[in-house]
Protein backbone atom coordinates (compact mmCIF):
# COMPACT_ATOMS: atom_id res chain seq x y z
CA MET A 1 -19.19 -134.21 -22.32
CA LYS A 2 -15.56 -135.29 -22.49
CA SER A 3 -13.54 -135.08 -19.29
CA VAL A 4 -11.29 -132.04 -18.97
CA ARG A 5 -8.80 -133.98 -16.83
CA THR A 6 -5.61 -135.47 -18.30
CA ASN A 7 -2.13 -136.50 -17.11
CA ILE A 8 -0.32 -133.70 -19.01
CA SER A 9 -0.02 -130.13 -17.71
CA THR A 10 -1.57 -127.26 -19.64
CA LEU A 11 1.85 -125.61 -19.96
CA ARG A 12 3.30 -128.73 -21.56
CA GLN A 13 0.46 -128.94 -24.09
CA ILE A 14 1.04 -125.32 -25.14
CA ILE A 15 4.84 -125.42 -25.34
CA GLU A 16 4.97 -128.75 -27.16
CA LEU A 17 3.15 -127.16 -30.08
CA VAL A 18 6.68 -125.98 -30.92
CA PRO A 19 8.45 -128.85 -32.77
CA GLY A 20 11.49 -129.91 -30.75
CA HIS A 21 13.63 -130.54 -33.83
CA LEU A 22 13.37 -126.85 -34.81
CA VAL A 23 15.02 -125.72 -31.58
CA LYS A 24 17.74 -128.34 -31.94
CA HIS A 25 18.42 -127.34 -35.54
CA LEU A 26 18.51 -123.61 -34.81
CA SER A 27 20.73 -124.03 -31.75
CA LYS A 28 23.31 -125.70 -34.00
CA LYS A 29 22.89 -123.07 -36.70
CA TYR A 30 23.52 -120.20 -34.27
CA GLY A 31 26.23 -122.01 -32.30
CA ILE A 32 24.23 -122.01 -29.07
CA ASP A 33 24.40 -125.77 -28.47
CA LYS A 34 28.19 -125.64 -28.01
CA LYS A 35 27.99 -122.84 -25.44
CA SER A 36 25.24 -124.36 -23.30
CA ARG A 37 25.79 -126.84 -20.49
CA SER A 38 23.00 -127.76 -18.10
CA PHE A 39 20.73 -124.93 -19.29
CA THR A 40 19.98 -126.30 -22.76
CA PRO A 41 18.56 -124.27 -25.68
CA TRP A 42 15.22 -126.07 -25.26
CA SER A 43 15.17 -125.17 -21.56
CA HIS A 44 15.92 -121.57 -22.52
CA VAL A 45 13.04 -121.39 -25.02
CA THR A 46 10.69 -123.09 -22.53
CA THR A 47 11.68 -120.65 -19.77
CA MET A 48 11.12 -117.59 -21.95
CA MET A 49 7.75 -118.87 -23.14
CA TYR A 50 6.71 -119.57 -19.55
CA SER A 51 7.67 -116.02 -18.54
CA GLN A 52 5.19 -114.72 -21.12
CA LEU A 53 2.39 -117.14 -20.26
CA ALA A 54 2.76 -116.51 -16.51
CA HIS A 55 3.23 -112.74 -16.86
CA SER A 56 6.47 -112.97 -14.89
CA LEU A 57 7.82 -109.62 -13.70
CA SER A 58 11.47 -110.46 -13.01
CA LEU A 59 14.20 -113.06 -13.30
CA ASN A 60 13.55 -114.20 -9.74
CA ASP A 61 9.86 -114.55 -10.50
CA VAL A 62 10.59 -116.90 -13.43
CA CYS A 63 13.36 -118.92 -11.81
CA ASP A 64 11.61 -119.45 -8.47
CA ALA A 65 8.36 -120.57 -10.11
CA LEU A 66 10.11 -123.06 -12.40
CA LYS A 67 12.26 -124.40 -9.55
CA ASN A 68 9.15 -124.99 -7.42
CA ASN A 69 7.60 -126.95 -10.29
CA GLN A 70 10.75 -128.61 -11.62
CA ASN A 71 9.22 -132.10 -11.67
CA SER A 72 6.41 -130.95 -13.95
CA LEU A 73 8.89 -128.89 -15.97
CA LEU A 74 11.06 -131.96 -16.55
CA THR A 75 8.19 -133.66 -18.40
CA ILE A 76 8.35 -130.92 -21.07
CA ARG A 77 11.02 -132.67 -23.15
CA GLY A 78 13.49 -132.65 -20.26
CA ALA A 79 13.48 -128.89 -19.62
CA VAL A 80 15.26 -127.78 -16.44
CA PRO A 81 14.84 -124.60 -14.34
CA PRO A 82 17.60 -121.98 -14.70
CA SER A 83 19.40 -120.05 -12.03
CA ARG A 84 18.90 -116.30 -11.99
CA ASN A 85 22.40 -115.60 -13.28
CA GLY A 86 22.18 -118.43 -15.79
CA LEU A 87 19.02 -117.03 -17.38
CA SER A 88 20.40 -113.50 -17.39
CA HIS A 89 23.63 -114.64 -19.04
CA ALA A 90 21.79 -116.75 -21.63
CA ASN A 91 19.59 -113.82 -22.67
CA LYS A 92 22.66 -111.62 -22.98
CA VAL A 93 25.02 -113.85 -24.96
CA ARG A 94 22.87 -116.36 -26.89
CA ASP A 95 22.02 -115.00 -30.33
CA ALA A 96 18.40 -113.77 -30.33
CA GLY A 97 18.33 -114.42 -34.07
CA MET A 98 17.46 -117.98 -33.05
CA ALA A 99 14.26 -116.80 -31.34
CA GLU A 100 13.34 -114.68 -34.36
CA GLU A 101 13.83 -117.51 -36.85
CA LEU A 102 12.04 -119.93 -34.54
CA PHE A 103 9.01 -117.65 -34.58
CA TRP A 104 8.77 -117.67 -38.39
CA LEU A 105 9.38 -121.43 -38.64
CA VAL A 106 6.71 -122.21 -36.04
CA LEU A 107 4.26 -119.91 -37.81
CA GLU A 108 4.88 -121.79 -41.07
CA HIS A 109 4.52 -125.09 -39.19
CA LEU A 110 1.11 -124.03 -37.83
CA HIS A 111 0.02 -123.07 -41.34
CA THR A 112 1.01 -126.57 -42.47
CA LEU A 113 -0.89 -128.22 -39.61
CA SER A 114 -4.04 -126.23 -40.36
CA PRO A 115 -4.14 -124.36 -43.71
CA GLY A 116 -7.34 -122.63 -42.59
CA PHE A 117 -5.35 -120.84 -39.87
CA ARG A 118 -3.79 -118.65 -42.59
CA SER A 119 -7.03 -117.98 -44.47
CA LYS A 120 -9.30 -117.16 -41.53
CA THR A 121 -10.86 -113.77 -42.28
CA TYR A 122 -10.45 -111.09 -39.63
CA ILE A 123 -13.71 -109.33 -38.77
CA GLY A 124 -12.31 -105.86 -39.51
CA MET A 125 -11.33 -106.67 -43.10
CA PRO A 126 -13.42 -105.10 -45.93
CA GLN A 127 -15.15 -108.17 -47.38
CA ARG A 128 -15.40 -106.94 -50.99
CA PHE A 129 -11.63 -107.11 -51.52
CA LYS A 130 -10.33 -110.43 -52.84
CA ARG A 131 -6.68 -109.33 -52.81
CA THR A 132 -4.29 -109.72 -49.89
CA ILE A 133 -4.46 -106.62 -47.67
CA ASN A 134 -1.36 -105.78 -45.63
CA VAL A 135 -1.23 -103.20 -42.86
CA VAL A 136 2.14 -101.64 -42.00
CA ASP A 137 2.64 -99.80 -38.73
CA SER A 138 4.99 -99.57 -35.77
CA THR A 139 4.69 -99.44 -32.01
CA THR A 140 7.12 -97.84 -29.59
CA ILE A 141 8.28 -99.80 -26.54
CA SER A 142 9.57 -97.55 -23.75
CA LEU A 143 12.82 -98.55 -22.07
CA VAL A 144 15.08 -97.24 -19.29
CA ALA A 145 17.45 -94.60 -20.70
CA ASN A 146 20.23 -94.83 -18.12
CA CYS A 147 20.51 -98.61 -18.51
CA MET A 148 19.88 -99.13 -22.23
CA THR A 149 22.17 -96.75 -24.07
CA TRP A 150 21.85 -98.80 -27.28
CA ALA A 151 18.22 -97.67 -27.53
CA LYS A 152 18.71 -94.03 -26.56
CA HIS A 153 15.98 -92.13 -28.36
CA ARG A 154 16.05 -88.66 -26.88
CA ARG A 155 18.10 -86.90 -24.23
CA ARG A 156 16.42 -88.61 -21.29
CA LYS A 157 14.49 -91.37 -23.00
CA ALA A 158 15.21 -94.76 -24.51
CA ALA A 159 12.87 -96.74 -26.70
CA ALA A 160 12.70 -99.53 -29.25
CA LYS A 161 10.31 -99.93 -32.15
CA LEU A 162 8.54 -102.95 -33.55
CA HIS A 163 7.73 -102.42 -37.24
CA MET A 164 5.08 -104.84 -38.44
CA CYS A 165 3.55 -105.95 -41.72
CA LEU A 166 0.25 -107.57 -40.75
CA ASP A 167 -1.91 -109.71 -43.04
CA LEU A 168 -5.38 -108.31 -42.42
CA GLN A 169 -7.10 -111.49 -43.61
CA SER A 170 -5.54 -113.80 -41.04
CA PHE A 171 -4.50 -111.07 -38.57
CA LEU A 172 -1.06 -112.69 -38.44
CA PRO A 173 2.32 -111.03 -39.06
CA ARG A 174 4.05 -111.45 -42.41
CA PHE A 175 7.19 -109.52 -41.57
CA ALA A 176 8.55 -107.76 -38.50
CA VAL A 177 11.59 -105.64 -37.67
CA PHE A 178 12.65 -104.88 -34.10
CA ASP A 179 15.18 -102.07 -33.73
CA ALA A 180 16.03 -98.93 -31.76
CA ALA A 181 13.44 -96.15 -32.07
CA LYS A 182 15.99 -93.65 -33.41
CA HIS A 183 15.53 -95.06 -36.93
CA SER A 184 12.71 -93.33 -38.83
CA ASP A 185 9.62 -95.16 -40.09
CA PRO A 186 10.25 -94.39 -43.81
CA ALA A 187 13.75 -95.85 -43.53
CA LYS A 188 12.33 -99.15 -42.29
CA ALA A 189 9.46 -99.19 -44.82
CA TYR A 190 11.70 -100.61 -47.55
CA GLU A 191 12.58 -103.61 -45.41
CA VAL A 192 9.08 -104.19 -44.06
CA CYS A 193 7.46 -104.06 -47.53
CA ALA A 194 10.17 -106.02 -49.35
CA GLY A 195 8.12 -109.24 -49.45
CA LEU A 196 4.95 -107.76 -50.94
CA LYS A 197 3.88 -109.25 -54.27
CA ALA A 198 2.31 -107.68 -57.36
CA GLY A 199 -1.45 -107.17 -56.97
CA GLU A 200 -1.38 -107.02 -53.16
CA ILE A 201 -2.57 -104.01 -51.17
CA VAL A 202 -0.59 -102.24 -48.46
CA VAL A 203 -2.04 -99.61 -46.12
CA PHE A 204 0.07 -97.45 -43.82
CA ASP A 205 0.01 -94.21 -41.87
CA LYS A 206 1.43 -90.95 -43.22
CA ALA A 207 4.49 -91.41 -40.98
CA TYR A 208 5.64 -93.99 -43.54
CA VAL A 209 5.15 -91.70 -46.57
CA ASP A 210 8.31 -91.63 -48.68
CA PHE A 211 7.58 -90.84 -52.33
CA LYS A 212 10.64 -92.73 -53.52
CA HIS A 213 9.34 -95.83 -51.77
CA LEU A 214 5.79 -95.25 -53.01
CA ASN A 215 7.09 -95.05 -56.57
CA LEU A 216 9.01 -98.28 -56.05
CA LEU A 217 5.82 -100.01 -54.85
CA ASN A 218 3.98 -98.62 -57.88
CA GLU A 219 6.63 -100.05 -60.23
CA ARG A 220 6.27 -103.42 -58.48
CA GLU A 221 2.49 -103.21 -59.15
CA VAL A 222 1.67 -103.14 -55.44
CA PHE A 223 -1.39 -101.02 -54.60
CA TRP A 224 -0.87 -98.62 -51.69
CA VAL A 225 -3.19 -96.42 -49.62
CA THR A 226 -2.07 -93.86 -47.07
CA ARG A 227 -2.84 -90.40 -45.73
CA ALA A 228 -1.40 -87.29 -47.35
CA LYS A 229 0.90 -85.09 -45.33
CA ASP A 230 -0.37 -81.59 -44.61
CA ASN A 231 2.53 -79.93 -46.42
CA MET A 232 2.30 -81.96 -49.64
CA GLN A 233 2.58 -79.66 -52.67
CA TYR A 234 0.77 -80.78 -55.83
CA LYS A 235 -1.27 -79.70 -58.82
CA VAL A 236 -4.61 -81.12 -59.92
CA ILE A 237 -4.50 -82.97 -63.23
CA GLU A 238 -8.12 -84.13 -63.32
CA GLU A 239 -11.28 -83.70 -61.25
CA HIS A 240 -13.59 -86.70 -60.79
CA SER A 241 -17.27 -86.49 -60.00
CA VAL A 242 -18.33 -87.40 -56.46
CA LYS A 243 -21.66 -88.47 -55.02
CA ASN A 244 -23.63 -85.70 -53.39
CA ASN A 245 -23.91 -87.39 -49.99
CA GLY A 246 -21.65 -85.05 -48.03
CA LYS A 247 -19.11 -87.75 -47.11
CA ILE A 248 -16.77 -87.47 -50.11
CA LEU A 249 -15.48 -83.92 -50.51
CA ARG A 250 -13.23 -84.36 -53.55
CA ASP A 251 -11.71 -86.99 -55.83
CA GLN A 252 -8.75 -85.87 -57.93
CA THR A 253 -5.82 -87.07 -59.99
CA ILE A 254 -2.77 -85.10 -58.92
CA MET A 255 0.95 -84.67 -59.59
CA LEU A 256 3.69 -83.47 -57.26
CA THR A 257 5.17 -80.04 -57.96
CA ILE A 258 8.23 -79.74 -55.71
CA THR A 259 11.35 -80.65 -57.69
CA ASN A 260 12.76 -83.20 -55.24
CA THR A 261 9.48 -85.02 -54.63
CA TYR A 262 8.65 -84.98 -58.35
CA LYS A 263 11.94 -86.73 -59.08
CA GLN A 264 11.07 -89.34 -56.48
CA TYR A 265 7.54 -89.86 -57.84
CA PRO A 266 7.24 -88.48 -61.41
CA GLY A 267 3.86 -90.06 -62.15
CA THR A 268 0.31 -89.19 -61.15
CA PHE A 269 -1.73 -90.66 -58.34
CA ARG A 270 -5.13 -90.21 -56.77
CA LEU A 271 -6.24 -87.97 -53.91
CA VAL A 272 -9.53 -88.46 -52.05
CA GLU A 273 -10.77 -86.20 -49.26
CA ALA A 274 -13.64 -87.51 -47.15
CA MET A 275 -15.42 -86.98 -43.85
CA VAL A 276 -14.41 -89.84 -41.57
CA GLU A 277 -15.74 -90.62 -38.10
CA ARG A 278 -12.98 -90.69 -35.50
CA ASN A 279 -13.48 -90.78 -31.74
CA GLY A 280 -17.19 -90.19 -32.22
CA LYS A 281 -16.71 -87.09 -34.37
CA GLU A 282 -16.55 -86.60 -38.13
CA GLU A 283 -13.45 -84.86 -39.47
CA PRO A 284 -11.96 -84.43 -42.95
CA MET A 285 -9.12 -86.76 -43.95
CA THR A 286 -7.11 -86.76 -47.16
CA PHE A 287 -6.03 -90.07 -48.62
CA ILE A 288 -3.70 -90.82 -51.52
CA THR A 289 -3.43 -94.04 -53.54
CA ASN A 290 -2.05 -95.32 -56.82
CA ASN A 291 -5.28 -97.17 -57.68
CA VAL A 292 -7.59 -95.23 -60.01
CA GLU A 293 -10.40 -97.81 -60.25
CA TRP A 294 -11.60 -98.27 -56.67
CA ALA A 295 -14.66 -96.46 -55.42
CA THR A 296 -13.92 -93.59 -53.04
CA SER A 297 -15.75 -95.43 -50.26
CA SER A 298 -13.45 -98.44 -50.75
CA ILE A 299 -10.37 -96.25 -50.24
CA CYS A 300 -11.84 -94.88 -47.01
CA ASP A 301 -12.73 -98.39 -45.79
CA LEU A 302 -9.24 -99.65 -46.51
CA TYR A 303 -7.65 -96.96 -44.40
CA LYS A 304 -10.25 -97.48 -41.68
CA ALA A 305 -9.20 -101.15 -41.59
CA ARG A 306 -5.63 -100.00 -40.86
CA TRP A 307 -6.67 -99.02 -37.35
CA SER A 308 -7.17 -102.70 -36.55
CA VAL A 309 -3.39 -103.04 -36.25
CA GLU A 310 -3.71 -101.18 -32.95
CA VAL A 311 -5.71 -104.16 -31.65
CA PHE A 312 -2.77 -106.41 -32.52
CA PHE A 313 -0.26 -104.16 -30.75
CA LYS A 314 -2.54 -103.94 -27.72
CA GLN A 315 -2.69 -107.73 -27.53
CA ILE A 316 1.08 -108.21 -27.55
CA LYS A 317 1.96 -105.18 -25.39
CA GLN A 318 -0.75 -105.27 -22.74
CA THR A 319 -1.91 -108.89 -22.63
CA LEU A 320 1.56 -110.39 -23.05
CA GLN A 321 4.59 -109.20 -21.13
CA LEU A 322 6.19 -106.44 -23.21
CA CYS A 323 6.30 -103.73 -20.56
CA ASP A 324 8.64 -105.19 -17.94
CA PHE A 325 11.89 -106.52 -19.37
CA MET A 326 14.22 -109.01 -17.71
CA GLY A 327 17.42 -107.61 -19.21
CA TYR A 328 19.06 -104.42 -20.40
CA SER A 329 21.00 -105.53 -23.49
CA ALA A 330 19.57 -105.36 -27.01
CA ASN A 331 19.92 -109.14 -27.30
CA ALA A 332 17.94 -109.79 -24.10
CA ILE A 333 15.14 -107.46 -25.24
CA ARG A 334 14.99 -109.23 -28.60
CA TRP A 335 14.71 -112.62 -26.86
CA GLN A 336 11.72 -111.38 -24.89
CA VAL A 337 10.01 -109.71 -27.87
CA TRP A 338 10.29 -112.71 -30.19
CA THR A 339 9.19 -115.23 -27.55
CA ALA A 340 6.20 -112.98 -26.84
CA MET A 341 5.37 -113.09 -30.55
CA LEU A 342 5.81 -116.88 -30.49
CA VAL A 343 3.40 -117.25 -27.56
CA TYR A 344 0.95 -114.97 -29.36
CA ILE A 345 0.71 -117.14 -32.48
CA LEU A 346 0.43 -120.32 -30.37
CA LEU A 347 -2.52 -118.87 -28.45
CA ARG A 348 -4.08 -117.65 -31.68
CA PHE A 349 -3.71 -121.17 -33.08
CA LEU A 350 -5.37 -122.67 -29.99
CA ALA A 351 -8.21 -120.17 -30.30
CA TYR A 352 -8.68 -121.08 -33.96
CA SER A 353 -8.42 -124.86 -33.44
CA GLY A 354 -10.70 -124.85 -30.41
CA GLN A 355 -13.16 -122.36 -31.97
CA TRP A 356 -12.72 -120.00 -29.03
CA PRO A 357 -15.65 -117.52 -29.09
CA HIS A 358 -14.28 -115.00 -26.58
CA SER A 359 -11.53 -112.38 -26.68
CA PHE A 360 -7.80 -113.03 -26.85
CA ASN A 361 -7.34 -111.45 -23.43
CA ARG A 362 -9.88 -113.81 -21.89
CA LEU A 363 -8.13 -116.84 -23.40
CA PHE A 364 -4.79 -115.68 -22.03
CA THR A 365 -6.06 -115.06 -18.50
CA MET A 366 -7.89 -118.39 -18.44
CA LEU A 367 -4.79 -120.34 -19.49
CA ARG A 368 -2.50 -118.39 -17.16
CA GLY A 369 -4.47 -119.61 -14.17
CA ILE A 370 -4.16 -123.33 -15.05
CA LEU A 371 -0.61 -123.61 -16.45
CA TRP A 372 0.49 -126.29 -13.97
CA LEU A 373 -2.88 -128.05 -13.75
CA LYS A 374 -3.55 -131.18 -15.77
CA PHE A 375 -6.48 -130.29 -17.99
CA ASN A 376 -7.16 -131.35 -21.55
CA LEU A 377 -6.53 -128.07 -23.33
CA PHE A 378 -9.08 -128.31 -26.13
CA ASN A 379 -11.79 -129.78 -23.90
CA ILE A 380 -11.51 -126.95 -21.40
CA ILE A 381 -11.50 -124.38 -24.22
CA ALA A 382 -14.67 -125.93 -25.60
CA SER A 383 -16.41 -126.04 -22.21
CA TYR A 384 -15.25 -122.68 -20.87
CA GLY A 385 -18.07 -120.22 -20.21
CA THR A 386 -20.85 -122.70 -21.03
CA ALA A 387 -23.64 -123.87 -18.76
CA CYS A 388 -22.70 -127.51 -19.29
CA ALA A 389 -19.09 -127.18 -18.17
CA ALA A 390 -17.84 -129.79 -15.71
CA ASN A 391 -16.98 -128.98 -12.10
CA ARG A 392 -18.87 -125.70 -12.05
CA MET A 393 -19.35 -124.12 -8.60
CA ARG A 394 -22.89 -123.32 -7.50
CA ALA A 395 -23.70 -120.90 -4.73
CA ALA A 396 -26.05 -122.26 -2.08
CA PRO A 397 -26.92 -119.36 0.25
CA GLU A 398 -29.51 -121.46 2.06
CA GLN A 399 -26.65 -123.49 3.55
CA ALA A 400 -24.64 -120.49 4.76
CA TYR A 401 -24.18 -120.11 8.52
CA LEU A 402 -23.52 -116.67 9.96
CA PRO A 403 -22.89 -116.43 13.71
CA GLY A 404 -25.56 -114.42 15.48
CA PHE A 405 -28.05 -114.78 12.64
CA ALA A 406 -29.26 -118.33 13.37
CA GLN A 407 -33.01 -118.70 13.61
């Protein structure tokens, strides 16, 4: 077995997956390089990535840890630890658009390094579909109402929303919008689905149902699947035969009847009602789609696959640090969200490259414990959890000495 020891820290190996020239280019593009002095744009990106990897809870937590390890930090392309006020000010005034664009450029860079990273099939994807399947959904991030007035959602609550278009094949984001939660899901659907191509499939919850948008997707030859709202008014144009297995209740071609909705979607589409297992119980669900050729079971499986997006949101909200924020401004929140997304794709890339067999959460917790240690990253990923791993501890109770129990 190869040695897991090296002369480079684990943190450095992770962060240097980000090409240094991208940060330099973007800092010039967004005018950040002219405003920075000792706390360079690269040091800023490194600090924010460390805060995610270490699960830092506050500005002091980040700054103190980096200051205590400043010699090791300096080896990461000359990064320096910030002061508490310096980091707070940088998150507030430096354009977070840099962090957002850096995320997309690094994702494209990883695809270039390993084309298979994009095409890896997620286990929850229906295997019979050869088209690209996109899942659109949003997650709400709770904030502090009396400090973050820009995100005021209700009278005593503040929240932001992350709208995501997720490629179900690779389980990687294709498009994301981060904004205040006061904007409705249908209003953001146009922006999130703008990059979809003809022949692709998009699946979303009924909260995103907007018949004007659905008609636009239909005209662009994008196939969509969603749930019907309970108050949808329609007439049946054609009844289709269903298998007598008790799962599929009806399969119909329908048309909207309300004047306003009919103007938004003047054509016909398909309605399928089926018994679907949810939380251990079977309950009827009504789906609508513009595809008339798929089997009814395929429509149900597509919507079932949509629930996998909750796994993605769980990984970035619970495993990474998207609960405790280190700033109150919209710009500071965006910095933290986009660096969390950046760390996510880097860890996913490491898991893919090292053929990690365990969960994402287990990879994160393993790496968090050895950030400043000098281990070869891929060797320790390969040996983790195996019987042949180096330096394993073995209990030897026969050598234990307990006072008063000596024979």
